[in-house]
PDB file of all heavy atoms in Angstrom:
ATOM      1  N   ASP A   1      -5.301   9.871  14.161  1.00  0.00           N
ATOM      2  CA  ASP A   1      -6.576  10.410  14.633  1.00  0.00           C
ATOM      3  C   ASP A   1      -6.808  11.831  14.055  1.00  0.00           C
ATOM      4  O   ASP A   1      -7.963  12.144  13.653  1.00  0.00           O
ATOM      5  CB  ASP A   1      -6.614  10.479  16.196  1.00  0.00           C
ATOM      6  CG  ASP A   1      -6.657   9.109  16.794  1.00  0.00           C
ATOM      7  OD1 ASP A   1      -6.951   8.116  16.074  1.00  0.00           O
ATOM      8  OD2 ASP A   1      -6.340   8.949  17.995  1.00  0.00           O
ATOM      9  N   ALA A   2      -5.757  12.644  14.001  1.00  0.00           N
ATOM     10  CA  ALA A   2      -5.908  13.974  13.461  1.00  0.00           C
ATOM     11  C   ALA A   2      -6.264  13.948  11.984  1.00  0.00           C
ATOM     12  O   ALA A   2      -7.077  14.727  11.473  1.00  0.00           O
ATOM     13  CB  ALA A   2      -4.596  14.755  13.660  1.00  0.00           C
ATOM     14  N   ILE A   3      -5.660  12.947  11.244  1.00  0.00           N
ATOM     15  CA  ILE A   3      -5.974  12.849   9.825  1.00  0.00           C
ATOM     16  C   ILE A   3      -7.417  12.378   9.624  1.00  0.00           C
ATOM     17  O   ILE A   3      -8.186  12.955   8.819  1.00  0.00           O
ATOM     18  CB  ILE A   3      -4.989  11.835   9.175  1.00  0.00           C
ATOM     19  CG1 ILE A   3      -3.597  12.389   9.191  1.00  0.00           C
ATOM     20  CG2 ILE A   3      -5.442  11.487   7.791  1.00  0.00           C
ATOM     21  CD1 ILE A   3      -2.495  11.457   8.750  1.00  0.00           C
ATOM     22  N   ARG A   4      -7.838  11.356  10.384  1.00  0.00           N
ATOM     23  CA  ARG A   4      -9.170  10.818  10.266  1.00  0.00           C
ATOM     24  C   ARG A   4     -10.211  11.841  10.696  1.00  0.00           C
ATOM     25  O   ARG A   4     -11.345  11.822  10.220  1.00  0.00           O
ATOM     26  CB  ARG A   4      -9.312   9.510  11.004  1.00  0.00           C
ATOM     27  CG  ARG A   4      -8.468   8.394  10.398  1.00  0.00           C
ATOM     28  CD  ARG A   4      -8.805   7.065  11.025  1.00  0.00           C
ATOM     29  NE  ARG A   4      -7.956   5.979  10.561  1.00  0.00           N
ATOM     30  CZ  ARG A   4      -8.123   5.337   9.404  1.00  0.00           C
ATOM     31  NH1 ARG A   4      -9.129   5.690   8.663  1.00  0.00           N
ATOM     32  NH2 ARG A   4      -7.331   4.354   9.064  1.00  0.00           N
ATOM     33  N   ALA A   5      -9.871  12.725  11.637  1.00  0.00           N
ATOM     34  CA  ALA A   5     -10.840  13.751  12.072  1.00  0.00           C
ATOM     35  C   ALA A   5     -11.187  14.680  10.910  1.00  0.00           C
ATOM     36  O   ALA A   5     -12.284  15.140  10.816  1.00  0.00           O
ATOM     37  CB  ALA A   5     -10.234  14.521  13.255  1.00  0.00           C
ATOM     38  N   VAL A   6     -10.236  14.938  10.041  1.00  0.00           N
ATOM     39  CA  VAL A   6     -10.489  15.837   8.906  1.00  0.00           C
ATOM     40  C   VAL A   6     -10.921  15.054   7.712  1.00  0.00           C
ATOM     41  O   VAL A   6     -11.808  15.510   6.920  1.00  0.00           O
ATOM     42  CB  VAL A   6      -9.176  16.607   8.565  1.00  0.00           C
ATOM     43  CG1 VAL A   6      -9.397  17.516   7.342  1.00  0.00           C
ATOM     44  CG2 VAL A   6      -8.710  17.451   9.733  1.00  0.00           C
ATOM     45  N   HIS A   7     -10.362  13.887   7.483  1.00  0.00           N
ATOM     46  CA  HIS A   7     -10.686  13.062   6.298  1.00  0.00           C
ATOM     47  C   HIS A   7     -11.008  11.627   6.748  1.00  0.00           C
ATOM     48  O   HIS A   7     -10.170  10.719   6.614  1.00  0.00           O
ATOM     49  CB  HIS A   7      -9.432  13.039   5.365  1.00  0.00           C
ATOM     50  CG  HIS A   7      -9.051  14.385   4.849  1.00  0.00           C
ATOM     51  ND1 HIS A   7      -9.898  15.167   4.091  1.00  0.00           N
ATOM     52  CD2 HIS A   7      -7.901  15.038   4.949  1.00  0.00           C
ATOM     53  CE1 HIS A   7      -9.291  16.291   3.772  1.00  0.00           C
ATOM     54  NE2 HIS A   7      -8.078  16.265   4.280  1.00  0.00           N
ATOM     55  N   PRO A   8     -12.204  11.396   7.257  1.00  0.00           N
ATOM     56  CA  PRO A   8     -12.577  10.071   7.724  1.00  0.00           C
ATOM     57  C   PRO A   8     -12.630   9.025   6.590  1.00  0.00           C
ATOM     58  O   PRO A   8     -12.638   7.842   6.876  1.00  0.00           O
ATOM     59  CB  PRO A   8     -13.948  10.276   8.334  1.00  0.00           C
ATOM     60  CG  PRO A   8     -14.495  11.553   7.712  1.00  0.00           C
ATOM     61  CD  PRO A   8     -13.271  12.396   7.484  1.00  0.00           C
ATOM     62  N   GLN A   9     -12.601   9.484   5.354  1.00  0.00           N
ATOM     63  CA  GLN A   9     -12.753   8.545   4.230  1.00  0.00           C
ATOM     64  C   GLN A   9     -11.468   7.804   3.930  1.00  0.00           C
ATOM     65  O   GLN A   9     -11.461   6.883   3.108  1.00  0.00           O
ATOM     66  CB  GLN A   9     -13.194   9.321   2.952  1.00  0.00           C
ATOM     67  CG  GLN A   9     -14.331  10.289   3.125  1.00  0.00           C
ATOM     68  CD  GLN A   9     -13.871  11.695   3.329  1.00  0.00           C
ATOM     69  OE1 GLN A   9     -13.020  11.972   4.210  1.00  0.00           O
ATOM     70  NE2 GLN A   9     -14.402  12.625   2.576  1.00  0.00           N
ATOM     71  N   VAL A  10     -10.287   8.201   4.455  1.00  0.00           N
ATOM     72  CA  VAL A  10      -9.051   7.529   4.060  1.00  0.00           C
ATOM     73  C   VAL A  10      -9.100   6.058   4.425  1.00  0.00           C
ATOM     74  O   VAL A  10      -9.694   5.647   5.401  1.00  0.00           O
ATOM     75  CB  VAL A  10      -7.803   8.162   4.781  1.00  0.00           C
ATOM     76  CG1 VAL A  10      -7.658   9.650   4.323  1.00  0.00           C
ATOM     77  CG2 VAL A  10      -7.904   8.094   6.265  1.00  0.00           C
ATOM     78  N   LEU A  11      -8.537   5.262   3.532  1.00  0.00           N
ATOM     79  CA  LEU A  11      -8.649   3.815   3.664  1.00  0.00           C
ATOM     80  C   LEU A  11      -7.693   3.282   4.743  1.00  0.00           C
ATOM     81  O   LEU A  11      -8.027   2.282   5.434  1.00  0.00           O
ATOM     82  CB  LEU A  11      -8.262   3.173   2.302  1.00  0.00           C
ATOM     83  CG  LEU A  11      -9.168   3.550   1.107  1.00  0.00           C
ATOM     84  CD1 LEU A  11      -8.603   2.913  -0.181  1.00  0.00           C
ATOM     85  CD2 LEU A  11     -10.570   3.127   1.338  1.00  0.00           C
ATOM     86  N   ALA A  12      -6.543   3.874   4.879  1.00  0.00           N
ATOM     87  CA  ALA A  12      -5.576   3.419   5.871  1.00  0.00           C
ATOM     88  C   ALA A  12      -4.553   4.528   6.132  1.00  0.00           C
ATOM     89  O   ALA A  12      -4.344   5.371   5.283  1.00  0.00           O
ATOM     90  CB  ALA A  12      -4.861   2.125   5.355  1.00  0.00           C
ATOM     91  N   VAL A  13      -3.929   4.458   7.313  1.00  0.00           N
ATOM     92  CA  VAL A  13      -2.925   5.457   7.719  1.00  0.00           C
ATOM     93  C   VAL A  13      -1.766   4.678   8.289  1.00  0.00           C
ATOM     94  O   VAL A  13      -1.911   3.872   9.205  1.00  0.00           O
ATOM     95  CB  VAL A  13      -3.439   6.482   8.705  1.00  0.00           C
ATOM     96  CG1 VAL A  13      -2.340   7.468   9.078  1.00  0.00           C
ATOM     97  CG2 VAL A  13      -4.685   7.213   8.196  1.00  0.00           C
ATOM     98  N   THR A  14      -0.508   4.921   7.756  1.00  0.00           N
ATOM     99  CA  THR A  14       0.649   4.312   8.344  1.00  0.00           C
ATOM    100  C   THR A  14       1.717   5.393   8.591  1.00  0.00           C
ATOM    101  O   THR A  14       1.654   6.479   8.010  1.00  0.00           O
ATOM    102  CB  THR A  14       1.267   3.251   7.398  1.00  0.00           C
ATOM    103  OG1 THR A  14       1.835   3.902   6.232  1.00  0.00           O
ATOM    104  CG2 THR A  14       0.237   2.271   6.926  1.00  0.00           C
ATOM    105  N   GLY A  15       2.693   5.136   9.416  1.00  0.00           N
ATOM    106  CA  GLY A  15       3.681   6.126   9.799  1.00  0.00           C
ATOM    107  C   GLY A  15       4.865   6.150   8.840  1.00  0.00           C
ATOM    108  O   GLY A  15       4.907   5.479   7.819  1.00  0.00           O
ATOM    109  N   ALA A  16       5.899   6.941   9.261  1.00  0.00           N
ATOM    110  CA  ALA A  16       7.064   7.154   8.385  1.00  0.00           C
ATOM    111  C   ALA A  16       7.867   5.803   8.216  1.00  0.00           C
ATOM    112  O   ALA A  16       7.986   5.021   9.094  1.00  0.00           O
ATOM    113  CB  ALA A  16       7.989   8.183   9.044  1.00  0.00           C
ATOM    114  N   HIS A  17       8.354   5.641   6.992  1.00  0.00           N
ATOM    115  CA  HIS A  17       9.163   4.497   6.568  1.00  0.00           C
ATOM    116  C   HIS A  17       8.625   3.134   7.017  1.00  0.00           C
ATOM    117  O   HIS A  17       9.401   2.232   7.333  1.00  0.00           O
ATOM    118  CB  HIS A  17      10.656   4.675   6.924  1.00  0.00           C
ATOM    119  CG  HIS A  17      11.011   4.832   8.339  1.00  0.00           C
ATOM    120  ND1 HIS A  17      11.213   3.798   9.191  1.00  0.00           N
ATOM    121  CD2 HIS A  17      11.181   5.949   9.093  1.00  0.00           C
ATOM    122  CE1 HIS A  17      11.537   4.255  10.414  1.00  0.00           C
ATOM    123  NE2 HIS A  17      11.481   5.537  10.374  1.00  0.00           N
ATOM    124  N   GLN A  18       7.281   2.998   7.111  1.00  0.00           N
ATOM    125  CA  GLN A  18       6.677   1.719   7.463  1.00  0.00           C
ATOM    126  C   GLN A  18       6.282   1.015   6.121  1.00  0.00           C
ATOM    127  O   GLN A  18       5.124   0.913   5.752  1.00  0.00           O
ATOM    128  CB  GLN A  18       5.438   1.909   8.324  1.00  0.00           C
ATOM    129  CG  GLN A  18       5.803   2.494   9.742  1.00  0.00           C
ATOM    130  CD  GLN A  18       4.597   2.702  10.599  1.00  0.00           C
ATOM    131  OE1 GLN A  18       3.481   2.614  10.168  1.00  0.00           O
ATOM    132  NE2 GLN A  18       4.862   2.913  11.889  1.00  0.00           N
ATOM    133  N   TYR A  19       7.359   0.559   5.416  1.00  0.00           N
ATOM    134  CA  TYR A  19       7.124   0.032   4.085  1.00  0.00           C
ATOM    135  C   TYR A  19       6.212  -1.149   4.099  1.00  0.00           C
ATOM    136  O   TYR A  19       5.267  -1.282   3.215  1.00  0.00           O
ATOM    137  CB  TYR A  19       8.461  -0.380   3.454  1.00  0.00           C
ATOM    138  CG  TYR A  19       9.530   0.686   3.524  1.00  0.00           C
ATOM    139  CD1 TYR A  19      10.795   0.443   4.120  1.00  0.00           C
ATOM    140  CD2 TYR A  19       9.283   1.994   3.054  1.00  0.00           C
ATOM    141  CE1 TYR A  19      11.745   1.416   4.160  1.00  0.00           C
ATOM    142  CE2 TYR A  19      10.277   2.970   3.150  1.00  0.00           C
ATOM    143  CZ  TYR A  19      11.488   2.692   3.692  1.00  0.00           C
ATOM    144  OH  TYR A  19      12.465   3.660   3.803  1.00  0.00           O
ATOM    145  N   GLU A  20       6.371  -2.119   4.986  1.00  0.00           N
ATOM    146  CA  GLU A  20       5.560  -3.284   5.030  1.00  0.00           C
ATOM    147  C   GLU A  20       4.097  -2.958   5.209  1.00  0.00           C
ATOM    148  O   GLU A  20       3.233  -3.511   4.516  1.00  0.00           O
ATOM    149  CB  GLU A  20       6.010  -4.240   6.156  1.00  0.00           C
ATOM    150  CG  GLU A  20       7.461  -4.709   6.001  1.00  0.00           C
ATOM    151  CD  GLU A  20       7.657  -5.605   4.798  1.00  0.00           C
ATOM    152  OE1 GLU A  20       6.690  -6.182   4.321  1.00  0.00           O
ATOM    153  OE2 GLU A  20       8.838  -5.710   4.337  1.00  0.00           O
ATOM    154  N   GLN A  21       3.799  -2.034   6.149  1.00  0.00           N
ATOM    155  CA  GLN A  21       2.390  -1.707   6.393  1.00  0.00           C
ATOM    156  C   GLN A  21       1.767  -0.993   5.227  1.00  0.00           C
ATOM    157  O   GLN A  21       0.609  -1.229   4.902  1.00  0.00           O
ATOM    158  CB  GLN A  21       2.332  -0.796   7.641  1.00  0.00           C
ATOM    159  CG  GLN A  21       2.692  -1.500   8.943  1.00  0.00           C
ATOM    160  CD  GLN A  21       4.169  -1.375   9.290  1.00  0.00           C
ATOM    161  OE1 GLN A  21       5.023  -1.375   8.386  1.00  0.00           O
ATOM    162  NE2 GLN A  21       4.481  -1.267  10.568  1.00  0.00           N
ATOM    163  N   VAL A  22       2.562  -0.184   4.523  1.00  0.00           N
ATOM    164  CA  VAL A  22       1.958   0.503   3.328  1.00  0.00           C
ATOM    165  C   VAL A  22       1.625  -0.513   2.264  1.00  0.00           C
ATOM    166  O   VAL A  22       0.513  -0.489   1.705  1.00  0.00           O
ATOM    167  CB  VAL A  22       3.000   1.544   2.774  1.00  0.00           C
ATOM    168  CG1 VAL A  22       2.407   2.160   1.496  1.00  0.00           C
ATOM    169  CG2 VAL A  22       3.249   2.622   3.797  1.00  0.00           C
ATOM    170  N   VAL A  23       2.576  -1.411   1.962  1.00  0.00           N
ATOM    171  CA  VAL A  23       2.298  -2.426   0.927  1.00  0.00           C
ATOM    172  C   VAL A  23       1.130  -3.302   1.309  1.00  0.00           C
ATOM    173  O   VAL A  23       0.276  -3.649   0.473  1.00  0.00           O
ATOM    174  CB  VAL A  23       3.593  -3.257   0.694  1.00  0.00           C
ATOM    175  CG1 VAL A  23       3.310  -4.463  -0.194  1.00  0.00           C
ATOM    176  CG2 VAL A  23       4.685  -2.396   0.134  1.00  0.00           C
ATOM    177  N   GLU A  24       1.055  -3.678   2.606  1.00  0.00           N
ATOM    178  CA  GLU A  24      -0.058  -4.512   3.050  1.00  0.00           C
ATOM    179  C   GLU A  24      -1.393  -3.737   2.878  1.00  0.00           C
ATOM    180  O   GLU A  24      -2.399  -4.342   2.450  1.00  0.00           O
ATOM    181  CB  GLU A  24       0.122  -4.843   4.536  1.00  0.00           C
ATOM    182  CG  GLU A  24      -0.895  -5.787   5.097  1.00  0.00           C
ATOM    183  CD  GLU A  24      -0.636  -6.139   6.560  1.00  0.00           C
ATOM    184  OE1 GLU A  24       0.562  -6.154   6.948  1.00  0.00           O
ATOM    185  OE2 GLU A  24      -1.607  -6.368   7.289  1.00  0.00           O
ATOM    186  N   ALA A  25      -1.446  -2.472   3.147  1.00  0.00           N
ATOM    187  CA  ALA A  25      -2.642  -1.684   2.983  1.00  0.00           C
ATOM    188  C   ALA A  25      -3.059  -1.627   1.495  1.00  0.00           C
ATOM    189  O   ALA A  25      -4.224  -1.744   1.170  1.00  0.00           O
ATOM    190  CB  ALA A  25      -2.443  -0.249   3.540  1.00  0.00           C
ATOM    191  N   VAL A  26      -2.088  -1.465   0.620  1.00  0.00           N
ATOM    192  CA  VAL A  26      -2.380  -1.449  -0.802  1.00  0.00           C
ATOM    193  C   VAL A  26      -2.926  -2.807  -1.220  1.00  0.00           C
ATOM    194  O   VAL A  26      -3.937  -2.872  -1.979  1.00  0.00           O
ATOM    195  CB  VAL A  26      -1.115  -1.102  -1.644  1.00  0.00           C
ATOM    196  CG1 VAL A  26      -1.427  -1.261  -3.121  1.00  0.00           C
ATOM    197  CG2 VAL A  26      -0.702   0.341  -1.345  1.00  0.00           C
ATOM    198  N   HIS A  27      -2.312  -3.884  -0.768  1.00  0.00           N
ATOM    199  CA  HIS A  27      -2.811  -5.220  -1.089  1.00  0.00           C
ATOM    200  C   HIS A  27      -4.252  -5.426  -0.625  1.00  0.00           C
ATOM    201  O   HIS A  27      -5.064  -6.086  -1.293  1.00  0.00           O
ATOM    202  CB  HIS A  27      -1.916  -6.273  -0.468  1.00  0.00           C
ATOM    203  CG  HIS A  27      -0.647  -6.500  -1.190  1.00  0.00           C
ATOM    204  ND1 HIS A  27       0.224  -7.565  -0.925  1.00  0.00           N
ATOM    205  CD2 HIS A  27      -0.021  -5.774  -2.129  1.00  0.00           C
ATOM    206  CE1 HIS A  27       1.268  -7.495  -1.715  1.00  0.00           C
ATOM    207  NE2 HIS A  27       1.164  -6.408  -2.456  1.00  0.00           N
ATOM    208  N   THR A  28      -4.568  -4.846   0.524  1.00  0.00           N
ATOM    209  CA  THR A  28      -5.907  -5.016   1.066  1.00  0.00           C
ATOM    210  C   THR A  28      -6.984  -4.251   0.257  1.00  0.00           C
ATOM    211  O   THR A  28      -8.030  -4.779  -0.071  1.00  0.00           O
ATOM    212  CB  THR A  28      -5.926  -4.502   2.540  1.00  0.00           C
ATOM    213  OG1 THR A  28      -5.033  -5.307   3.287  1.00  0.00           O
ATOM    214  CG2 THR A  28      -7.355  -4.588   3.129  1.00  0.00           C
ATOM    215  N   HIS A  29      -6.637  -3.033  -0.118  1.00  0.00           N
ATOM    216  CA  HIS A  29      -7.646  -2.137  -0.714  1.00  0.00           C
ATOM    217  C   HIS A  29      -7.584  -2.135  -2.243  1.00  0.00           C
ATOM    218  O   HIS A  29      -8.528  -1.679  -2.896  1.00  0.00           O
ATOM    219  CB  HIS A  29      -7.520  -0.731  -0.184  1.00  0.00           C
ATOM    220  CG  HIS A  29      -7.768  -0.663   1.303  1.00  0.00           C
ATOM    221  ND1 HIS A  29      -9.060  -0.689   1.806  1.00  0.00           N
ATOM    222  CD2 HIS A  29      -6.952  -0.539   2.395  1.00  0.00           C
ATOM    223  CE1 HIS A  29      -8.999  -0.604   3.137  1.00  0.00           C
ATOM    224  NE2 HIS A  29      -7.709  -0.493   3.487  1.00  0.00           N
ATOM    225  N   ALA A  30      -6.505  -2.673  -2.821  1.00  0.00           N
ATOM    226  CA  ALA A  30      -6.420  -2.802  -4.285  1.00  0.00           C
ATOM    227  C   ALA A  30      -5.605  -4.082  -4.595  1.00  0.00           C
ATOM    228  O   ALA A  30      -4.418  -3.960  -4.955  1.00  0.00           O
ATOM    229  CB  ALA A  30      -5.793  -1.613  -4.922  1.00  0.00           C
ATOM    230  N   PRO A  31      -6.161  -5.246  -4.339  1.00  0.00           N
ATOM    231  CA  PRO A  31      -5.384  -6.482  -4.471  1.00  0.00           C
ATOM    232  C   PRO A  31      -4.744  -6.584  -5.864  1.00  0.00           C
ATOM    233  O   PRO A  31      -5.340  -6.254  -6.861  1.00  0.00           O
ATOM    234  CB  PRO A  31      -6.457  -7.599  -4.290  1.00  0.00           C
ATOM    235  CG  PRO A  31      -7.571  -6.899  -3.491  1.00  0.00           C
ATOM    236  CD  PRO A  31      -7.554  -5.500  -3.939  1.00  0.00           C
ATOM    237  N   PRO A  32      -3.470  -7.038  -5.876  1.00  0.00           N
ATOM    238  CA  PRO A  32      -2.802  -7.131  -7.172  1.00  0.00           C
ATOM    239  C   PRO A  32      -3.506  -8.101  -8.088  1.00  0.00           C
ATOM    240  O   PRO A  32      -3.916  -9.205  -7.650  1.00  0.00           O
ATOM    241  CB  PRO A  32      -1.383  -7.603  -6.794  1.00  0.00           C
ATOM    242  CG  PRO A  32      -1.535  -8.254  -5.430  1.00  0.00           C
ATOM    243  CD  PRO A  32      -2.673  -7.505  -4.759  1.00  0.00           C
ATOM    244  N   SER A  33      -3.706  -7.692  -9.335  1.00  0.00           N
ATOM    245  CA  SER A  33      -4.435  -8.541 -10.278  1.00  0.00           C
ATOM    246  C   SER A  33      -3.569  -9.553 -10.946  1.00  0.00           C
ATOM    247  O   SER A  33      -4.077 -10.537 -11.491  1.00  0.00           O
ATOM    248  CB  SER A  33      -5.111  -7.623 -11.334  1.00  0.00           C
ATOM    249  OG  SER A  33      -4.171  -6.753 -11.939  1.00  0.00           O
ATOM    250  N   GLN A  34      -2.241  -9.333 -10.978  1.00  0.00           N
ATOM    251  CA  GLN A  34      -1.370 -10.227 -11.683  1.00  0.00           C
ATOM    252  C   GLN A  34      -0.487 -10.987 -10.737  1.00  0.00           C
ATOM    253  O   GLN A  34      -0.046 -12.108 -11.040  1.00  0.00           O
ATOM    254  CB  GLN A  34      -0.513  -9.482 -12.718  1.00  0.00           C
ATOM    255  CG  GLN A  34      -1.343  -8.798 -13.787  1.00  0.00           C
ATOM    256  CD  GLN A  34      -0.431  -8.140 -14.828  1.00  0.00           C
ATOM    257  OE1 GLN A  34       0.779  -8.092 -14.653  1.00  0.00           O
ATOM    258  NE2 GLN A  34      -0.982  -7.582 -15.833  1.00  0.00           N
ATOM    259  N   GLY A  35      -0.171 -10.410  -9.600  1.00  0.00           N
ATOM    260  CA  GLY A  35       0.735 -11.056  -8.668  1.00  0.00           C
ATOM    261  C   GLY A  35       2.179 -10.882  -9.098  1.00  0.00           C
ATOM    262  O   GLY A  35       2.477 -10.425 -10.189  1.00  0.00           O
ATOM    263  N   PRO A  36       3.082 -11.142  -8.205  1.00  0.00           N
ATOM    264  CA  PRO A  36       4.512 -10.964  -8.481  1.00  0.00           C
ATOM    265  C   PRO A  36       5.021 -11.986  -9.511  1.00  0.00           C
ATOM    266  O   PRO A  36       4.309 -12.925  -9.838  1.00  0.00           O
ATOM    267  CB  PRO A  36       5.188 -11.171  -7.115  1.00  0.00           C
ATOM    268  CG  PRO A  36       4.278 -12.011  -6.403  1.00  0.00           C
ATOM    269  CD  PRO A  36       2.890 -11.644  -6.829  1.00  0.00           C
ATOM    270  N   PHE A  37       6.147 -11.772 -10.072  1.00  0.00           N
ATOM    271  CA  PHE A  37       6.839 -12.674 -10.959  1.00  0.00           C
ATOM    272  C   PHE A  37       6.177 -12.816 -12.358  1.00  0.00           C
ATOM    273  O   PHE A  37       6.501 -13.708 -13.086  1.00  0.00           O
ATOM    274  CB  PHE A  37       6.976 -14.098 -10.347  1.00  0.00           C
ATOM    275  CG  PHE A  37       7.387 -14.075  -8.911  1.00  0.00           C
ATOM    276  CD1 PHE A  37       6.603 -14.681  -7.952  1.00  0.00           C
ATOM    277  CD2 PHE A  37       8.537 -13.418  -8.531  1.00  0.00           C
ATOM    278  CE1 PHE A  37       6.979 -14.612  -6.615  1.00  0.00           C
ATOM    279  CE2 PHE A  37       8.926 -13.389  -7.160  1.00  0.00           C
ATOM    280  CZ  PHE A  37       8.113 -13.958  -6.232  1.00  0.00           C
ATOM    281  N   VAL A  38       5.197 -11.936 -12.639  1.00  0.00           N
ATOM    282  CA  VAL A  38       4.595 -11.943 -13.966  1.00  0.00           C
ATOM    283  C   VAL A  38       5.693 -11.593 -15.004  1.00  0.00           C
ATOM    284  O   VAL A  38       5.830 -12.260 -16.014  1.00  0.00           O
ATOM    285  CB  VAL A  38       3.424 -10.930 -14.044  1.00  0.00           C
ATOM    286  CG1 VAL A  38       3.026 -10.763 -15.486  1.00  0.00           C
ATOM    287  CG2 VAL A  38       2.265 -11.458 -13.253  1.00  0.00           C
ATOM    288  N   ASP A  39       6.438 -10.558 -14.692  1.00  0.00           N
ATOM    289  CA  ASP A  39       7.573 -10.160 -15.530  1.00  0.00           C
ATOM    290  C   ASP A  39       8.853 -10.606 -14.874  1.00  0.00           C
ATOM    291  O   ASP A  39       9.211 -10.059 -13.816  1.00  0.00           O
ATOM    292  CB  ASP A  39       7.560  -8.624 -15.703  1.00  0.00           C
ATOM    293  CG  ASP A  39       8.598  -8.152 -16.712  1.00  0.00           C
ATOM    294  OD1 ASP A  39       9.452  -9.009 -17.064  1.00  0.00           O
ATOM    295  OD2 ASP A  39       8.591  -6.963 -17.070  1.00  0.00           O
ATOM    296  N   LEU A  40       9.493 -11.602 -15.428  1.00  0.00           N
ATOM    297  CA  LEU A  40      10.677 -12.183 -14.789  1.00  0.00           C
ATOM    298  C   LEU A  40      11.937 -11.436 -15.137  1.00  0.00           C
ATOM    299  O   LEU A  40      13.011 -11.757 -14.621  1.00  0.00           O
ATOM    300  CB  LEU A  40      10.811 -13.660 -15.150  1.00  0.00           C
ATOM    301  CG  LEU A  40       9.638 -14.544 -14.644  1.00  0.00           C
ATOM    302  CD1 LEU A  40       9.845 -15.966 -15.113  1.00  0.00           C
ATOM    303  CD2 LEU A  40       9.522 -14.448 -13.141  1.00  0.00           C
ATOM    304  N   ILE A  41      11.848 -10.406 -15.984  1.00  0.00           N
ATOM    305  CA  ILE A  41      13.031  -9.608 -16.303  1.00  0.00           C
ATOM    306  C   ILE A  41      13.285  -8.631 -15.159  1.00  0.00           C
ATOM    307  O   ILE A  41      12.384  -7.875 -14.758  1.00  0.00           O
ATOM    308  CB  ILE A  41      12.853  -8.792 -17.597  1.00  0.00           C
ATOM    309  CG1 ILE A  41      12.606  -9.777 -18.770  1.00  0.00           C
ATOM    310  CG2 ILE A  41      14.035  -7.938 -17.878  1.00  0.00           C
ATOM    311  CD1 ILE A  41      12.210  -9.070 -20.059  1.00  0.00           C
ATOM    312  N   PRO A  42      14.451  -8.654 -14.531  1.00  0.00           N
ATOM    313  CA  PRO A  42      14.687  -7.763 -13.359  1.00  0.00           C
ATOM    314  C   PRO A  42      14.484  -6.326 -13.772  1.00  0.00           C
ATOM    315  O   PRO A  42      14.901  -5.880 -14.838  1.00  0.00           O
ATOM    316  CB  PRO A  42      16.165  -8.054 -13.001  1.00  0.00           C
ATOM    317  CG  PRO A  42      16.449  -9.378 -13.572  1.00  0.00           C
ATOM    318  CD  PRO A  42      15.614  -9.493 -14.797  1.00  0.00           C
ATOM    319  N   GLN A  43      13.842  -5.551 -12.936  1.00  0.00           N
ATOM    320  CA  GLN A  43      13.607  -4.130 -13.137  1.00  0.00           C
ATOM    321  C   GLN A  43      14.469  -3.299 -12.218  1.00  0.00           C
ATOM    322  O   GLN A  43      14.668  -3.677 -11.061  1.00  0.00           O
ATOM    323  CB  GLN A  43      12.126  -3.845 -12.888  1.00  0.00           C
ATOM    324  CG  GLN A  43      11.155  -4.553 -13.802  1.00  0.00           C
ATOM    325  CD  GLN A  43      11.190  -4.010 -15.242  1.00  0.00           C
ATOM    326  OE1 GLN A  43      11.323  -2.825 -15.399  1.00  0.00           O
ATOM    327  NE2 GLN A  43      11.070  -4.896 -16.159  1.00  0.00           N
ATOM    328  N   PRO A  44      14.923  -2.118 -12.681  1.00  0.00           N
ATOM    329  CA  PRO A  44      15.668  -1.253 -11.812  1.00  0.00           C
ATOM    330  C   PRO A  44      14.746  -0.631 -10.743  1.00  0.00           C
ATOM    331  O   PRO A  44      13.511  -0.586 -10.936  1.00  0.00           O
ATOM    332  CB  PRO A  44      16.199  -0.177 -12.749  1.00  0.00           C
ATOM    333  CG  PRO A  44      15.238  -0.195 -13.903  1.00  0.00           C
ATOM    334  CD  PRO A  44      14.785  -1.594 -14.051  1.00  0.00           C
ATOM    335  N   ASP A  45      15.344  -0.199  -9.704  1.00  0.00           N
ATOM    336  CA  ASP A  45      14.539   0.468  -8.649  1.00  0.00           C
ATOM    337  C   ASP A  45      13.871   1.735  -9.240  1.00  0.00           C
ATOM    338  O   ASP A  45      14.420   2.364 -10.137  1.00  0.00           O
ATOM    339  CB  ASP A  45      15.416   0.911  -7.476  1.00  0.00           C
ATOM    340  CG  ASP A  45      15.920  -0.300  -6.682  1.00  0.00           C
ATOM    341  OD1 ASP A  45      15.359  -1.401  -6.908  1.00  0.00           O
ATOM    342  OD2 ASP A  45      16.856  -0.139  -5.867  1.00  0.00           O
TER     343      ASP A  45
END
């Protein structure tokens, strides 16, 4: 609420280490154009 009071334009707000919610918000507001498994070579973290 404090963030939206100053910046009502933000697309989504999630809390600390809420990885699933962050990824879900990105998928919602910038849907992946290629999807997973496009590059099947394992990538390092």
